C-alpha atoms as a PDB file:
ATOM      1  CA  MET A   1      97.186   6.208  -5.933  1.00  0.00           C
ATOM      2  CA  MET A   2      95.828   7.863  -9.066  1.00  0.00           C
ATOM      3  CA  ILE A   3      98.084   8.984 -11.906  1.00  0.00           C
ATOM      4  CA  ARG A   4      97.199  10.646 -15.199  1.00  0.00           C
ATOM      5  CA  VAL A   5      99.240  11.736 -18.192  1.00  0.00           C
ATOM      6  CA  ASN A   6      98.123  15.198 -19.264  1.00  0.00           C
ATOM      7  CA  VAL A   7      98.537  14.791 -23.015  1.00  0.00           C
ATOM      8  CA  GLU A   8      97.471  18.347 -23.869  1.00  0.00           C
ATOM      9  CA  ARG A   9     100.080  19.810 -21.542  1.00  0.00           C
ATOM     10  CA  ALA A  10     102.746  17.360 -22.788  1.00  0.00           C
ATOM     11  CA  VAL A  11     102.131  18.630 -26.321  1.00  0.00           C
ATOM     12  CA  LYS A  12     102.540  22.228 -25.153  1.00  0.00           C
ATOM     13  CA  VAL A  13     105.784  21.363 -23.381  1.00  0.00           C
ATOM     14  CA  GLY A  14     107.034  19.639 -26.521  1.00  0.00           C
ATOM     15  CA  GLU A  15     106.221  22.681 -28.625  1.00  0.00           C
ATOM     16  CA  ALA A  16     108.055  24.918 -26.149  1.00  0.00           C
ATOM     17  CA  ILE A  17     111.119  22.674 -26.245  1.00  0.00           C
ATOM     18  CA  ALA A  18     111.065  22.775 -30.040  1.00  0.00           C
ATOM     19  CA  ARG A  19     111.148  26.566 -29.895  1.00  0.00           C
ATOM     20  CA  ILE A  20     114.078  26.835 -27.493  1.00  0.00           C
ATOM     21  CA  GLY A  21     116.048  24.010 -29.117  1.00  0.00           C
ATOM     22  CA  ILE A  22     118.075  21.406 -27.258  1.00  0.00           C
ATOM     23  CA  GLU A  23     121.257  21.337 -29.304  1.00  0.00           C
ATOM     24  CA  ARG A  24     123.397  22.916 -26.569  1.00  0.00           C
ATOM     25  CA  ALA A  25     122.548  20.111 -24.142  1.00  0.00           C
ATOM     26  CA  ILE A  26     123.553  17.242 -26.450  1.00  0.00           C
ATOM     27  CA  ASP A  27     126.525  15.180 -25.260  1.00  0.00           C
ATOM     28  CA  ASP A  28     128.662  12.974 -27.517  1.00  0.00           C
ATOM     29  CA  PHE A  29     129.985  11.039 -24.488  1.00  0.00           C
ATOM     30  CA  THR A  30     133.623  11.264 -25.526  1.00  0.00           C
ATOM     31  CA  ASP A  31     134.995  13.416 -22.681  1.00  0.00           C
ATOM     32  CA  PRO A  32     138.103  11.423 -21.663  1.00  0.00           C
ATOM     33  CA  ARG A  33     137.492  12.227 -18.002  1.00  0.00           C
ATOM     34  CA  PHE A  34     134.416   9.993 -18.061  1.00  0.00           C
ATOM     35  CA  TYR A  35     134.379   7.768 -21.149  1.00  0.00           C
ATOM     36  CA  PRO A  36     136.550   5.563 -23.395  1.00  0.00           C
ATOM     37  CA  PRO A  37     138.663   7.272 -26.076  1.00  0.00           C
ATOM     38  CA  ARG A  38     137.057   8.101 -29.410  1.00  0.00           C
ATOM     39  CA  ASP A  39     139.145   5.445 -31.152  1.00  0.00           C
ATOM     40  CA  ALA A  40     138.505   2.665 -28.617  1.00  0.00           C
ATOM     41  CA  PRO A  41     137.385  -0.688 -30.111  1.00  0.00           C
ATOM     42  CA  ARG A  42     133.625  -1.204 -30.164  1.00  0.00           C
ATOM     43  CA  GLU A  43     133.913  -4.139 -27.720  1.00  0.00           C
ATOM     44  CA  THR A  44     135.724  -1.911 -25.220  1.00  0.00           C
ATOM     45  CA  ILE A  45     133.075   0.802 -25.556  1.00  0.00           C
ATOM     46  CA  ALA A  46     130.201  -1.685 -25.284  1.00  0.00           C
ATOM     47  CA  MET A  47     131.657  -3.430 -22.230  1.00  0.00           C
ATOM     48  CA  TYR A  48     132.547  -0.178 -20.484  1.00  0.00           C
ATOM     49  CA  PHE A  49     129.045   1.222 -20.774  1.00  0.00           C
ATOM     50  CA  LEU A  50     127.411  -2.132 -19.954  1.00  0.00           C
ATOM     51  CA  VAL A  51     129.334  -2.208 -16.667  1.00  0.00           C
ATOM     52  CA  MET A  52     129.030   1.485 -15.820  1.00  0.00           C
ATOM     53  CA  VAL A  53     125.290   1.709 -16.445  1.00  0.00           C
ATOM     54  CA  ALA A  54     124.827  -1.409 -14.299  1.00  0.00           C
ATOM     55  CA  MET A  55     126.432   0.602 -11.473  1.00  0.00           C
ATOM     56  CA  ASP A  56     124.553   3.835 -12.220  1.00  0.00           C
ATOM     57  CA  HIS A  57     122.084   3.895  -9.347  1.00  0.00           C
ATOM     58  CA  ARG A  58     121.602   5.420  -5.904  1.00  0.00           C
ATOM     59  CA  LEU A  59     125.132   6.510  -5.041  1.00  0.00           C
ATOM     60  CA  SER A  60     124.098   9.487  -2.911  1.00  0.00           C
ATOM     61  CA  ARG A  61     121.934   8.903   0.141  1.00  0.00           C
ATOM     62  CA  PRO A  62     120.303  11.394   2.535  1.00  0.00           C
ATOM     63  CA  GLY A  63     123.097  13.096   4.439  1.00  0.00           C
ATOM     64  CA  ARG A  64     125.762  11.171   2.506  1.00  0.00           C
ATOM     65  CA  PRO A  65     126.436  12.805  -0.861  1.00  0.00           C
ATOM     66  CA  TYR A  66     128.611  10.834  -3.263  1.00  0.00           C
ATOM     67  CA  GLU A  67     131.133  13.567  -3.912  1.00  0.00           C
ATOM     68  CA  ALA A  68     134.920  13.831  -4.035  1.00  0.00           C
ATOM     69  CA  VAL A  69     137.885  15.577  -5.603  1.00  0.00           C
ATOM     70  CA  VAL A  70     139.739  13.617  -8.289  1.00  0.00           C
ATOM     71  CA  SER A  71     142.863  15.089  -9.906  1.00  0.00           C
ATOM     72  CA  GLY A  72     142.059  18.506  -8.478  1.00  0.00           C
ATOM     73  CA  GLU A  73     138.469  18.613  -9.716  1.00  0.00           C
ATOM     74  CA  ARG A  74     135.295  18.014  -7.677  1.00  0.00           C
ATOM     75  CA  PHE A  75     132.746  15.538  -8.997  1.00  0.00           C
ATOM     76  CA  HIS A  76     129.323  14.555  -7.697  1.00  0.00           C
ATOM     77  CA  GLY A  77     126.974  11.616  -8.244  1.00  0.00           C
ATOM     78  CA  ALA A  78     127.067  10.083 -11.710  1.00  0.00           C
ATOM     79  CA  ASP A  79     129.944  12.377 -12.694  1.00  0.00           C
ATOM     80  CA  LEU A  80     132.116  10.860  -9.968  1.00  0.00           C
ATOM     81  CA  LEU A  81     131.015   7.332 -10.891  1.00  0.00           C
ATOM     82  CA  TYR A  82     132.022   7.725 -14.531  1.00  0.00           C
ATOM     83  CA  ARG A  83     135.197   9.606 -13.563  1.00  0.00           C
ATOM     84  CA  LEU A  84     136.282   6.609 -11.487  1.00  0.00           C
ATOM     85  CA  GLY A  85     135.187   4.277 -14.283  1.00  0.00           C
ATOM     86  CA  ALA A  86     137.353   6.037 -16.847  1.00  0.00           C
ATOM     87  CA  GLU A  87     140.320   5.955 -14.452  1.00  0.00           C
ATOM     88  CA  LYS A  88     139.813   2.214 -13.976  1.00  0.00           C
ATOM     89  CA  LEU A  89     139.630   1.618 -17.715  1.00  0.00           C
ATOM     90  CA  ARG A  90     142.943   3.415 -18.191  1.00  0.00           C
ATOM     91  CA  SER A  91     144.781   1.803 -15.268  1.00  0.00           C
ATOM     92  CA  ASP A  92     143.320  -1.710 -15.418  1.00  0.00           C
ATOM     93  CA  PRO A  93     141.536  -2.401 -18.734  1.00  0.00           C
ATOM     94  CA  GLU A  94     141.249  -6.118 -17.924  1.00  0.00           C
ATOM     95  CA  PHE A  95     138.829  -5.166 -15.166  1.00  0.00           C
ATOM     96  CA  PHE A  96     136.208  -4.644 -17.873  1.00  0.00           C
ATOM     97  CA  THR A  97     136.108  -8.275 -18.980  1.00  0.00           C
ATOM     98  CA  ALA A  98     133.492 -10.899 -18.269  1.00  0.00           C
ATOM     99  CA  GLU A  99     135.994 -13.219 -16.630  1.00  0.00           C
ATOM    100  CA  ARG A 100     137.139 -10.586 -14.103  1.00  0.00           C
ATOM    101  CA  LEU A 101     133.598  -9.439 -13.423  1.00  0.00           C
ATOM    102  CA  SER A 102     132.438 -13.005 -12.782  1.00  0.00           C
ATOM    103  CA  ARG A 103     134.588 -13.204  -9.639  1.00  0.00           C
ATOM    104  CA  ILE A 104     134.641  -9.629  -8.385  1.00  0.00           C
ATOM    105  CA  THR A 105     134.330  -9.072  -4.633  1.00  0.00           C
ATOM    106  CA  ALA A 106     132.609  -6.412  -2.570  1.00  0.00           C
ATOM    107  CA  ASP A 107     136.006  -5.206  -1.338  1.00  0.00           C
ATOM    108  CA  GLU A 108     137.128  -4.664  -4.939  1.00  0.00           C
ATOM    109  CA  VAL A 109     133.981  -2.699  -5.734  1.00  0.00           C
ATOM    110  CA  LYS A 110     134.393  -0.598  -2.601  1.00  0.00           C
ATOM    111  CA  GLU A 111     138.028   0.161  -3.432  1.00  0.00           C
ATOM    112  CA  TRP A 112     137.167   1.018  -7.048  1.00  0.00           C
ATOM    113  CA  LEU A 113     134.220   3.316  -6.315  1.00  0.00           C
ATOM    114  CA  SER A 114     135.678   5.108  -3.293  1.00  0.00           C
ATOM    115  CA  ALA A 115     137.391   8.490  -3.425  1.00  0.00           C
ATOM    116  CA  GLY A 116     138.054  10.773  -0.477  1.00  0.00           C
ATOM    117  CA  GLU A 117     135.047  10.516   1.833  1.00  0.00           C
ATOM    118  CA  ALA A 118     132.806   9.115  -0.931  1.00  0.00           C
ATOM    119  CA  LYS A 119     132.042   5.405  -0.773  1.00  0.00           C
ATOM    120  CA  PRO A 120     129.420   3.253  -2.503  1.00  0.00           C
ATOM    121  CA  PRO A 121     126.579   2.591  -0.047  1.00  0.00           C
ATOM    122  CA  ASP A 122     125.959  -0.985  -1.201  1.00  0.00           C
ATOM    123  CA  ALA A 123     129.227  -2.618  -2.292  1.00  0.00           C
ATOM    124  CA  ASP A 124     127.899  -6.146  -1.655  1.00  0.00           C
ATOM    125  CA  LEU A 125     124.896  -5.594  -3.940  1.00  0.00           C
ATOM    126  CA  ARG A 126     127.007  -4.003  -6.668  1.00  0.00           C
ATOM    127  CA  ALA A 127     129.448  -6.908  -6.560  1.00  0.00           C
ATOM    128  CA  ARG A 128     126.568  -9.386  -6.946  1.00  0.00           C
ATOM    129  CA  LEU A 129     125.230  -7.462  -9.930  1.00  0.00           C
ATOM    130  CA  LEU A 130     128.645  -7.442 -11.608  1.00  0.00           C
ATOM    131  CA  ARG A 131     129.253 -11.143 -10.940  1.00  0.00           C
ATOM    132  CA  ASP A 132     125.856 -11.928 -12.437  1.00  0.00           C
ATOM    133  CA  LEU A 133     126.732  -9.779 -15.448  1.00  0.00           C
ATOM    134  CA  GLY A 134     130.090 -11.467 -15.976  1.00  0.00           C
ATOM    135  CA  ARG A 135     128.851 -15.030 -15.554  1.00  0.00           C
ATOM    136  CA  LYS A 136     125.903 -14.597 -17.908  1.00  0.00           C
ATOM    137  CA  LEU A 137     128.057 -12.871 -20.518  1.00  0.00           C
ATOM    138  CA  LEU A 138     130.357 -15.886 -20.427  1.00  0.00           C
ATOM    139  CA  SER A 139     127.555 -18.451 -20.638  1.00  0.00           C
ATOM    140  CA  LEU A 140     125.291 -16.677 -23.143  1.00  0.00           C
ATOM    141  CA  TYR A 141     127.499 -14.377 -25.227  1.00  0.00           C
ATOM    142  CA  GLU A 142     131.003 -15.889 -25.039  1.00  0.00           C
ATOM    143  CA  GLY A 143     132.039 -13.019 -22.794  1.00  0.00           C
ATOM    144  CA  SER A 144     131.291 -10.316 -25.367  1.00  0.00           C
ATOM    145  CA  ALA A 145     129.185  -7.235 -24.633  1.00  0.00           C
ATOM    146  CA  TYR A 146     128.989  -6.383 -28.315  1.00  0.00           C
ATOM    147  CA  ALA A 147     127.481  -9.827 -29.004  1.00  0.00           C
ATOM    148  CA  ILE A 148     124.287  -8.649 -27.262  1.00  0.00           C
ATOM    149  CA  ILE A 149     124.009  -5.925 -29.899  1.00  0.00           C
ATOM    150  CA  ALA A 150     124.862  -8.291 -32.739  1.00  0.00           C
ATOM    151  CA  GLU A 151     122.266 -10.829 -31.603  1.00  0.00           C
ATOM    152  CA  SER A 152     119.604  -8.112 -31.453  1.00  0.00           C
ATOM    153  CA  LYS A 153     120.322  -7.293 -35.138  1.00  0.00           C
ATOM    154  CA  GLY A 154     120.049  -3.564 -34.450  1.00  0.00           C
ATOM    155  CA  TYR A 155     116.536  -3.604 -32.966  1.00  0.00           C
ATOM    156  CA  LEU A 156     115.466  -2.311 -29.580  1.00  0.00           C
ATOM    157  CA  ARG A 157     112.387  -4.544 -29.700  1.00  0.00           C
ATOM    158  CA  ALA A 158     112.033  -7.577 -31.926  1.00  0.00           C
ATOM    159  CA  GLY A 159     110.007 -10.764 -31.798  1.00  0.00           C
ATOM    160  CA  ALA A 160     109.638 -12.576 -28.501  1.00  0.00           C
ATOM    161  CA  GLY A 161     112.415 -10.975 -26.481  1.00  0.00           C
ATOM    162  CA  GLU A 162     114.929 -10.810 -29.323  1.00  0.00           C
ATOM    163  CA  GLY A 163     115.549  -7.053 -29.253  1.00  0.00           C
ATOM    164  CA  PHE A 164     118.337  -5.320 -27.365  1.00  0.00           C
ATOM    165  CA  ILE A 165     116.159  -4.030 -24.507  1.00  0.00           C
ATOM    166  CA  ASP A 166     114.619  -7.412 -23.789  1.00  0.00           C
ATOM    167  CA  ARG A 167     117.905  -9.296 -24.106  1.00  0.00           C
ATOM    168  CA  LEU A 168     119.336  -7.152 -21.331  1.00  0.00           C
ATOM    169  CA  LYS A 169     116.690  -8.419 -18.913  1.00  0.00           C
ATOM    170  CA  VAL A 170     118.598 -11.647 -18.374  1.00  0.00           C
ATOM    171  CA  PHE A 171     121.037  -9.594 -16.295  1.00  0.00           C
ATOM    172  CA  ALA A 172     119.881  -8.718 -12.769  1.00  0.00           C
ATOM    173  CA  ALA A 173     121.192  -5.158 -13.074  1.00  0.00           C
ATOM    174  CA  TYR A 174     118.871  -4.529 -16.039  1.00  0.00           C
ATOM    175  CA  GLN A 175     115.597  -5.964 -14.709  1.00  0.00           C
ATOM    176  CA  ASP A 176     113.929  -2.640 -13.856  1.00  0.00           C
ATOM    177  CA  PRO A 177     110.298  -2.826 -15.092  1.00  0.00           C
ATOM    178  CA  VAL A 178     110.590   0.724 -16.479  1.00  0.00           C
ATOM    179  CA  GLU A 179     113.902  -0.114 -18.219  1.00  0.00           C
ATOM    180  CA  LYS A 180     115.788   3.023 -17.170  1.00  0.00           C
ATOM    181  CA  LYS A 181     119.231   1.422 -17.309  1.00  0.00           C
ATOM    182  CA  ALA A 182     118.469  -0.453 -20.525  1.00  0.00           C
ATOM    183  CA  PHE A 183     117.466   2.678 -22.419  1.00  0.00           C
ATOM    184  CA  LEU A 184     120.347   4.665 -20.918  1.00  0.00           C
ATOM    185  CA  LEU A 185     122.757   2.013 -22.196  1.00  0.00           C
ATOM    186  CA  ALA A 186     121.104   2.072 -25.620  1.00  0.00           C
ATOM    187  CA  LYS A 187     121.493   5.855 -25.710  1.00  0.00           C
ATOM    188  CA  PHE A 188     125.183   5.694 -24.840  1.00  0.00           C
ATOM    189  CA  LEU A 189     125.931   3.004 -27.416  1.00  0.00           C
ATOM    190  CA  GLU A 190     124.075   4.735 -30.222  1.00  0.00           C
ATOM    191  CA  ARG A 191     125.684   8.097 -29.470  1.00  0.00           C
ATOM    192  CA  ARG A 192     129.117   6.450 -29.542  1.00  0.00           C
ATOM    193  CA  ASN A 193     128.292   4.907 -32.949  1.00  0.00           C
ATOM    194  CA  VAL A 194     128.494   1.338 -31.696  1.00  0.00           C
ATOM    195  CA  VAL A 195     125.000   0.714 -33.080  1.00  0.00           C
ATOM    196  CA  ARG A 196     122.309   2.553 -35.021  1.00  0.00           C
ATOM    197  CA  PHE A 197     118.916   1.252 -33.940  1.00  0.00           C
ATOM    198  CA  LEU A 198     116.588   0.390 -36.799  1.00  0.00           C
ATOM    199  CA  ASP A 199     113.369   0.981 -34.863  1.00  0.00           C
ATOM    200  CA  PRO A 200     113.584   4.528 -33.450  1.00  0.00           C
ATOM    201  CA  GLU A 201     109.847   4.421 -32.805  1.00  0.00           C
ATOM    202  CA  ASN A 202     110.653   2.126 -29.864  1.00  0.00           C
ATOM    203  CA  LYS A 203     112.978   4.591 -28.146  1.00  0.00           C
ATOM    204  CA  GLU A 204     112.013   5.837 -24.681  1.00  0.00           C
ATOM    205  CA  VAL A 205     113.640   8.290 -22.284  1.00  0.00           C
ATOM    206  CA  PRO A 206     115.488   6.575 -19.408  1.00  0.00           C
ATOM    207  CA  VAL A 207     113.367   7.740 -16.469  1.00  0.00           C
ATOM    208  CA  ASP A 208     115.439   8.749 -13.453  1.00  0.00           C
ATOM    209  CA  ASN A 209     114.688  10.982 -10.457  1.00  0.00           C
ATOM    210  CA  HIS A 210     115.307  14.236 -12.315  1.00  0.00           C
ATOM    211  CA  LEU A 211     112.819  13.358 -15.054  1.00  0.00           C
ATOM    212  CA  VAL A 212     110.054  12.362 -12.620  1.00  0.00           C
ATOM    213  CA  ARG A 213     110.484  15.558 -10.602  1.00  0.00           C
ATOM    214  CA  ILE A 214     110.328  17.700 -13.731  1.00  0.00           C
ATOM    215  CA  ALA A 215     107.283  15.832 -15.082  1.00  0.00           C
ATOM    216  CA  VAL A 216     105.262  16.428 -11.906  1.00  0.00           C
ATOM    217  CA  ARG A 217     106.283  20.081 -11.737  1.00  0.00           C
ATOM    218  CA  LEU A 218     105.470  20.682 -15.391  1.00  0.00           C
ATOM    219  CA  GLY A 219     102.086  19.040 -14.886  1.00  0.00           C
ATOM    220  CA  ILE A 220     102.488  16.517 -17.687  1.00  0.00           C
ATOM    221  CA  VAL A 221     102.039  13.843 -15.010  1.00  0.00           C
ATOM    222  CA  GLU A 222      99.261  14.460 -12.516  1.00  0.00           C
ATOM    223  CA  VAL A 223      98.795  12.616  -9.229  1.00  0.00           C
ATOM    224  CA  ASP A 224      96.018  12.698  -6.652  1.00  0.00           C
ATOM    225  CA  PRO A 225      96.365  15.198  -3.754  1.00  0.00           C
ATOM    226  CA  ALA A 226      97.208  12.521  -1.190  1.00  0.00           C
ATOM    227  CA  THR A 227     100.024  11.153  -3.324  1.00  0.00           C
ATOM    228  CA  LEU A 228     101.305  14.657  -4.025  1.00  0.00           C
ATOM    229  CA  GLU A 229     101.468  15.261  -0.264  1.00  0.00           C
ATOM    230  CA  ARG A 230     103.354  11.989   0.251  1.00  0.00           C
ATOM    231  CA  ILE A 231     105.874  13.081  -2.383  1.00  0.00           C
ATOM    232  CA  ARG A 232     106.259  16.500  -0.764  1.00  0.00           C
ATOM    233  CA  SER A 233     106.639  14.952   2.708  1.00  0.00           C
ATOM    234  CA  GLN A 234     109.110  12.358   1.381  1.00  0.00           C
ATOM    235  CA  VAL A 235     107.083   9.360   2.513  1.00  0.00           C
ATOM    236  CA  GLU A 236     108.632   6.229   1.012  1.00  0.00           C
ATOM    237  CA  LEU A 237     106.618   4.819  -1.901  1.00  0.00           C
ATOM    238  CA  ASP A 238     106.525   1.087  -2.518  1.00  0.00           C
ATOM    239  CA  TRP A 239     107.893  -0.471  -5.694  1.00  0.00           C
ATOM    240  CA  ARG A 240     104.470  -0.711  -7.376  1.00  0.00           C
ATOM    241  CA  GLU A 241     103.792   2.982  -6.852  1.00  0.00           C
ATOM    242  CA  ASP A 242     107.275   3.841  -8.105  1.00  0.00           C
ATOM    243  CA  VAL A 243     106.733   1.814 -11.272  1.00  0.00           C
ATOM    244  CA  MET A 244     103.320   3.389 -11.904  1.00  0.00           C
ATOM    245  CA  LEU A 245     104.719   6.891 -11.503  1.00  0.00           C
ATOM    246  CA  ARG A 246     107.741   6.281 -13.718  1.00  0.00           C
ATOM    247  CA  LEU A 247     105.759   4.508 -16.442  1.00  0.00           C
ATOM    248  CA  ALA A 248     103.407   7.487 -16.583  1.00  0.00           C
ATOM    249  CA  THR A 249     106.436   9.772 -16.774  1.00  0.00           C
ATOM    250  CA  ARG A 250     107.908   7.743 -19.622  1.00  0.00           C
ATOM    251  CA  SER A 251     104.618   7.884 -21.505  1.00  0.00           C
ATOM    252  CA  ALA A 252     104.320  11.639 -20.979  1.00  0.00           C
ATOM    253  CA  TYR A 253     107.809  12.291 -22.333  1.00  0.00           C
ATOM    254  CA  LYS A 254     107.038  10.172 -25.383  1.00  0.00           C
ATOM    255  CA  LYS A 255     104.282  12.694 -26.156  1.00  0.00           C
ATOM    256  CA  VAL A 256     106.688  15.565 -25.471  1.00  0.00           C
ATOM    257  CA  ALA A 257     109.279  14.104 -27.865  1.00  0.00           C
ATOM    258  CA  GLN A 258     106.678  13.610 -30.586  1.00  0.00           C
ATOM    259  CA  ALA A 259     105.363  17.166 -30.213  1.00  0.00           C
ATOM    260  CA  ALA A 260     108.894  18.577 -30.198  1.00  0.00           C
ATOM    261  CA  GLY A 261     109.930  16.470 -33.178  1.00  0.00           C
ATOM    262  CA  VAL A 262     113.044  15.227 -31.377  1.00  0.00           C
ATOM    263  CA  ASP A 263     114.595  11.837 -30.711  1.00  0.00           C
ATOM    264  CA  PRO A 264     113.727  10.669 -27.140  1.00  0.00           C
ATOM    265  CA  PHE A 265     117.411   9.969 -26.481  1.00  0.00           C
ATOM    266  CA  LEU A 266     118.292  13.560 -27.386  1.00  0.00           C
ATOM    267  CA  LEU A 267     115.369  14.857 -25.341  1.00  0.00           C
ATOM    268  CA  ASP A 268     116.743  12.921 -22.387  1.00  0.00           C
ATOM    269  CA  ASP A 269     120.057  14.785 -22.628  1.00  0.00           C
ATOM    270  CA  PHE A 270     118.217  18.090 -22.293  1.00  0.00           C
ATOM    271  CA  LEU A 271     115.884  16.925 -19.517  1.00  0.00           C
ATOM    272  CA  TRP A 272     118.710  15.435 -17.447  1.00  0.00           C
ATOM    273  CA  MET A 273     120.787  18.598 -17.727  1.00  0.00           C
ATOM    274  CA  PHE A 274     117.699  20.730 -17.106  1.00  0.00           C
ATOM    275  CA  GLY A 275     117.060  18.794 -13.892  1.00  0.00           C
ATOM    276  CA  ARG A 276     120.644  19.130 -12.705  1.00  0.00           C
ATOM    277  CA  LYS A 277     121.231  22.764 -13.639  1.00  0.00           C
ATOM    278  CA  CYS A 278     117.829  24.494 -13.869  1.00  0.00           C
ATOM    279  CA  CYS A 279     114.854  22.744 -12.290  1.00  0.00           C
ATOM    280  CA  THR A 280     116.911  21.463  -9.375  1.00  0.00           C
ATOM    281  CA  ARG A 281     115.544  19.767  -6.299  1.00  0.00           C
ATOM    282  CA  GLU A 282     116.194  22.599  -3.860  1.00  0.00           C
ATOM    283  CA  ALA A 283     116.746  25.734  -5.954  1.00  0.00           C
ATOM    284  CA  PRO A 284     114.799  25.794  -9.240  1.00  0.00           C
ATOM    285  CA  SER A 285     115.644  28.693 -11.526  1.00  0.00           C
ATOM    286  CA  CYS A 286     112.117  30.100 -11.475  1.00  0.00           C
ATOM    287  CA  ARG A 287     112.391  30.636  -7.701  1.00  0.00           C
ATOM    288  CA  HIS A 288     116.079  31.380  -7.213  1.00  0.00           C
ATOM    289  CA  GLY A 289     117.150  33.025 -10.463  1.00  0.00           C
ATOM    290  CA  CYS A 290     118.899  31.821 -13.606  1.00  0.00           C
ATOM    291  CA  ARG A 291     122.415  30.509 -13.394  1.00  0.00           C
ATOM    292  CA  SER A 292     125.006  30.572 -16.143  1.00  0.00           C
ATOM    293  CA  ASP A 293     125.149  26.776 -16.418  1.00  0.00           C
ATOM    294  CA  CYS A 294     121.363  26.713 -16.926  1.00  0.00           C
ATOM    295  CA  GLU A 295     121.549  29.428 -19.571  1.00  0.00           C
ATOM    296  CA  ALA A 296     124.312  27.479 -21.324  1.00  0.00           C
ATOM    297  CA  ILE A 297     121.929  24.615 -22.173  1.00  0.00           C
ATOM    298  CA  GLY A 298     119.006  26.874 -23.141  1.00  0.00           C
ATOM    299  CA  GLY A 299     117.143  26.315 -19.888  1.00  0.00           C
ATOM    300  CA  CYS A 300     116.974  30.033 -19.178  1.00  0.00           C
ATOM    301  CA  ALA A 301     116.478  33.020 -21.470  1.00  0.00           C
ATOM    302  CA  GLY A 302     116.073  36.677 -20.606  1.00  0.00           C
ATOM    303  CA  GLY A 303     116.467  35.910 -16.925  1.00  0.00           C
ATOM    304  CA  ALA A 304     113.544  33.479 -16.841  1.00  0.00           C
ATOM    305  CA  CYS A 305     113.145  29.708 -17.115  1.00  0.00           C
ATOM    306  CA  SER A 306     112.543  28.754 -20.734  1.00  0.00           C
ATOM    307  CA  LEU A 307     109.648  26.488 -19.762  1.00  0.00           C
ATOM    308  CA  SER A 308     107.956  28.741 -17.223  1.00  0.00           C
ATOM    309  CA  ASN A 309     105.080  29.568 -19.581  1.00  0.00           C
ATOM    310  CA  VAL A 310     104.119  25.882 -19.860  1.00  0.00           C
ATOM    311  CA  CYS A 311     104.940  24.825 -16.291  1.00  0.00           C
ATOM    312  CA  GLU A 312     102.164  24.272 -13.780  1.00  0.00           C
ATOM    313  CA  ALA A 313     104.484  24.654 -10.784  1.00  0.00           C
ATOM    314  CA  TYR A 314     105.497  28.124 -11.937  1.00  0.00           C
ATOM    315  CA  SER A 315     102.187  29.391 -10.592  1.00  0.00           C
ATOM    316  CA  ARG A 316     101.268  26.528  -8.241  1.00  0.00           C
ATOM    317  CA  GLU A 317     103.517  26.221  -5.204  1.00  0.00           C
ATOM    318  CA  ASP A 318     101.942  22.888  -4.240  1.00  0.00           C
ATOM    319  CA  LEU A 319     103.515  21.314  -7.347  1.00  0.00           C
ATOM    320  CA  MET A 320     107.041  22.506  -6.550  1.00  0.00           C
ATOM    321  CA  VAL A 321     107.883  19.131  -5.027  1.00  0.00           C
ATOM    322  CA  PRO A 322     111.084  17.083  -4.903  1.00  0.00           C
ATOM    323  CA  GLU A 323     111.252  13.706  -6.607  1.00  0.00           C
ATOM    324  CA  HIS A 324     109.393  10.889  -4.897  1.00  0.00           C
ATOM    325  CA  ARG A 325     111.250   8.840  -2.287  1.00  0.00           C
ATOM    326  CA  PHE A 326     112.122   5.247  -3.215  1.00  0.00           C
ATOM    327  CA  LEU A 327     115.635   4.586  -1.970  1.00  0.00           C
ATOM    328  CA  ASN A 328     116.235   0.869  -1.679  1.00  0.00           C
ATOM    329  CA  THR A 329     116.596  -0.105  -5.308  1.00  0.00           C
ATOM    330  CA  TRP A 330     119.228  -0.743  -7.944  1.00  0.00           C
ATOM    331  CA  TRP A 331     116.834   0.140 -10.782  1.00  0.00           C
ATOM    332  CA  TYR A 332     117.942   3.796 -11.075  1.00  0.00           C
END
């Protein structure tokens, strides 16, 4: 497997993003359908997001979409997860405490994260992750999620494992080598004004499936022809190959953020929405036409994808691939 970050193209993509702007895609994460109230105590906000991000992985599987109607509205994937999380916080706030998490069962997780035909595919694993989270919070941080932030003194990286990102690695749910969940949690907490990180130079985008797919299509991450064919054919990659591909993607988006002059956490908002609404897995806007929800975030303009002039896949059909296949993980 050979992977290369195309720095020149990443700069061009960053410049294009700077021109279109990303302001319309920025989320303040206060929608009461998904998140704690604006006036919730900082401990409540910190614990809610610590738990929810720990669960934010692989809910949909091939042929089994995680999708259901809640209160008359249909939700899919992460939207459904956070919808059920917000409902749980309202109906049973004690659920989001270290003591309750330390003894949670798979049946409780299954009941919590099920709606209609949607069910979590790995309730046993999720229960183990939450028990680990609760027990270590009790033993290391007196049960407080906010104490992790306080102990990090506002730094993402500091000293020998003293920063927020490294402190999270004690929890099994946050041990992904590419730190997707850790940086997603940091983004949520900063946007909700629970913390303001003092070392923004250490911010990275949380690399999920959408971001890898977009990076390969844009051409800011290049892979050898054999690997590209494996991605297109949906051959399962092993964990080392997954990590290599996502680390390259993270590095490429760092260059994009620098060229665009935007915070990587804000860039992630745009990229995630762009992947869900514009450069989708099956029906990208450049092939199937612009949709109103894509136009709403600036992903389309004048009937064309806003990034088509800097996208390799726009003129190269071989790069119009789905995300790589790596299913059996709780990393993302």
